[in-house]
Amino acid sequence: QVQLVESGGGLVQAGDSLRLSCAASGRTFNSYTMGWFRQAPGKEREFVAAISWNTGSTYYADSVKGRFTISRDNAKNTVYLQMNSLKPEDTAVYYCARARTGIPHYRTDPVLYDYWGQGTQVTVAS
């Protein structure tokens, strides 16, 4: 069984930075694409960023490109999301997720991810 546990959320001011972490259990962490999604109140869950399991290739939503950076440490079974220049519209619950077998990092549909963390709240005040 795979478990994903996010941490690092909080309340910040616009323009601040946060770093989210996602610790994964299971020995096959480094064989899967990992992604971050977010869900704001009243909105659907949306893709934020993803990283391939082997090349480190990344893919970002246009709304966060240039501000957010996804990375992973396979030795620590951990994926990170560095969020800079935060905006009030970034406020949401952020989820870490593991993609299904063979799904590349540029696929953004949440249904292609089969394991999810419990989420961590990020609130950006204006």
Protein backbone atom coordinates (compact mmCIF):
# COMPACT_ATOMS: atom_id res chain seq x y z
CA GLN A 1 0.00 0.00 0.00
CA VAL A 2 1.25 3.46 -0.91
CA GLN A 3 0.84 6.34 1.49
CA LEU A 4 1.53 9.99 0.67
CA VAL A 5 1.81 12.60 3.42
CA GLU A 6 2.02 16.30 2.57
CA SER A 7 3.42 19.00 4.83
CA GLY A 8 4.53 22.62 4.65
CA GLY A 9 1.28 24.46 4.04
CA GLY A 10 0.27 27.56 5.95
CA LEU A 11 -0.88 31.17 5.88
CA VAL A 12 1.39 33.63 4.08
CA GLN A 13 1.24 37.09 2.56
CA ALA A 14 1.16 37.76 -1.16
CA GLY A 15 4.67 37.64 -2.56
CA ASP A 16 5.93 35.18 0.06
CA SER A 17 7.25 31.68 -0.52
CA LEU A 18 6.38 28.23 0.78
CA ARG A 19 7.87 24.81 0.26
CA LEU A 20 5.58 21.81 0.32
CA SER A 21 6.88 18.31 0.90
CA CYS A 22 5.31 14.95 0.16
CA ALA A 23 6.74 11.87 1.83
CA ALA A 24 5.87 8.58 0.17
CA SER A 25 5.93 5.07 1.55
CA GLY A 26 6.66 2.08 -0.62
CA ARG A 27 9.75 0.93 -2.39
CA THR A 28 8.50 1.78 -5.90
CA PHE A 29 8.35 5.55 -5.43
CA ASN A 30 11.12 6.15 -7.93
CA SER A 31 9.35 4.33 -10.77
CA TYR A 32 6.37 6.68 -11.07
CA THR A 33 5.57 10.17 -12.18
CA MET A 34 4.66 12.33 -9.19
CA GLY A 35 2.41 15.35 -9.31
CA TRP A 36 0.93 18.20 -7.32
CA PHE A 37 -2.70 19.27 -7.68
CA ARG A 38 -4.77 21.87 -5.87
CA GLN A 39 -8.42 22.49 -5.13
CA ALA A 40 -9.92 25.81 -4.13
CA PRO A 41 -13.36 26.05 -2.49
CA GLY A 42 -16.11 25.55 -5.03
CA LYS A 43 -13.69 24.63 -7.79
CA GLU A 44 -12.55 21.40 -9.38
CA ARG A 45 -9.19 19.87 -8.58
CA GLU A 46 -6.59 21.23 -10.96
CA PHE A 47 -3.14 20.19 -12.07
CA VAL A 48 -0.21 22.23 -10.78
CA ALA A 49 3.02 20.41 -11.64
CA ALA A 50 4.50 16.97 -12.29
CA ILE A 51 7.92 15.37 -12.50
CA SER A 52 9.08 12.23 -14.26
CA TRP A 53 10.47 9.38 -12.26
CA ASN A 54 13.75 8.94 -14.11
CA THR A 55 14.82 12.00 -16.16
CA GLY A 56 13.60 14.66 -13.78
CA SER A 57 11.62 16.29 -16.57
CA THR A 58 8.94 18.64 -15.30
CA TYR A 59 5.66 20.08 -16.51
CA TYR A 60 3.70 23.01 -15.08
CA ALA A 61 0.31 24.60 -15.33
CA ASP A 62 0.52 27.96 -17.07
CA SER A 63 -0.78 29.68 -13.93
CA VAL A 64 2.29 28.67 -11.90
CA LYS A 65 5.01 28.49 -14.54
CA GLY A 66 8.02 30.58 -13.53
CA ARG A 67 6.90 30.77 -9.89
CA PHE A 68 6.67 27.14 -8.76
CA THR A 69 9.32 24.43 -8.96
CA ILE A 70 8.72 20.72 -8.49
CA SER A 71 11.58 18.43 -7.54
CA ARG A 72 12.08 14.98 -6.11
CA ASP A 73 14.59 13.07 -4.05
CA ASN A 74 14.20 9.38 -4.86
CA ALA A 75 16.58 8.38 -2.10
CA LYS A 76 14.27 10.02 0.44
CA ASN A 77 11.01 9.04 -1.31
CA THR A 78 10.04 12.70 -1.23
CA VAL A 79 8.71 15.18 -3.76
CA TYR A 80 8.75 18.92 -3.21
CA LEU A 81 6.92 21.97 -4.49
CA GLN A 82 8.74 25.27 -4.04
CA MET A 83 6.24 28.08 -4.40
CA ASN A 84 7.52 31.62 -4.86
CA SER A 85 5.77 34.94 -5.49
CA LEU A 86 2.56 33.53 -4.10
CA LYS A 87 -0.71 35.17 -5.06
CA PRO A 88 -4.12 35.12 -3.35
CA GLU A 89 -5.43 33.01 -6.24
CA ASP A 90 -2.96 30.29 -5.23
CA THR A 91 -5.05 29.70 -2.10
CA ALA A 92 -6.19 26.07 -2.10
CA VAL A 93 -5.68 22.66 -0.60
CA TYR A 94 -2.61 21.18 -2.26
CA TYR A 95 -2.44 17.45 -2.92
CA CYS A 96 0.46 15.22 -3.78
CA ALA A 97 -0.33 12.29 -6.06
CA ARG A 98 1.35 9.30 -7.70
CA ALA A 99 0.57 8.61 -11.34
CA ARG A 100 -0.56 5.24 -12.63
CA THR A 101 2.02 2.97 -14.19
CA GLY A 102 3.51 4.39 -17.38
CA ILE A 103 1.85 7.80 -17.19
CA PRO A 104 4.30 10.49 -18.34
CA HIS A 105 4.82 13.76 -16.53
CA TYR A 106 2.99 15.90 -19.11
CA ARG A 107 -0.38 14.22 -18.55
CA THR A 108 -2.48 16.46 -16.31
CA ASP A 109 -5.80 14.64 -15.82
CA PRO A 110 -6.33 13.75 -12.13
CA VAL A 111 -7.92 10.43 -13.12
CA LEU A 112 -4.47 9.28 -14.29
CA TYR A 113 -3.22 9.43 -10.71
CA ASP A 114 -4.14 6.58 -8.37
CA TYR A 115 -2.69 7.48 -4.98
CA TRP A 116 -3.34 10.76 -3.19
CA GLY A 117 -2.24 12.43 0.01
CA GLN A 118 -4.65 14.02 2.47
CA GLY A 119 -3.80 17.53 1.34
CA THR A 120 -2.25 20.59 2.97
CA GLN A 121 -3.89 24.02 3.11
CA VAL A 122 -2.14 26.99 1.54
CA THR A 123 -3.70 30.39 2.19
CA VAL A 124 -2.27 33.54 0.62
CA ALA A 125 -3.50 36.81 2.08
CA SER A 126 -3.55 39.95 -0.02
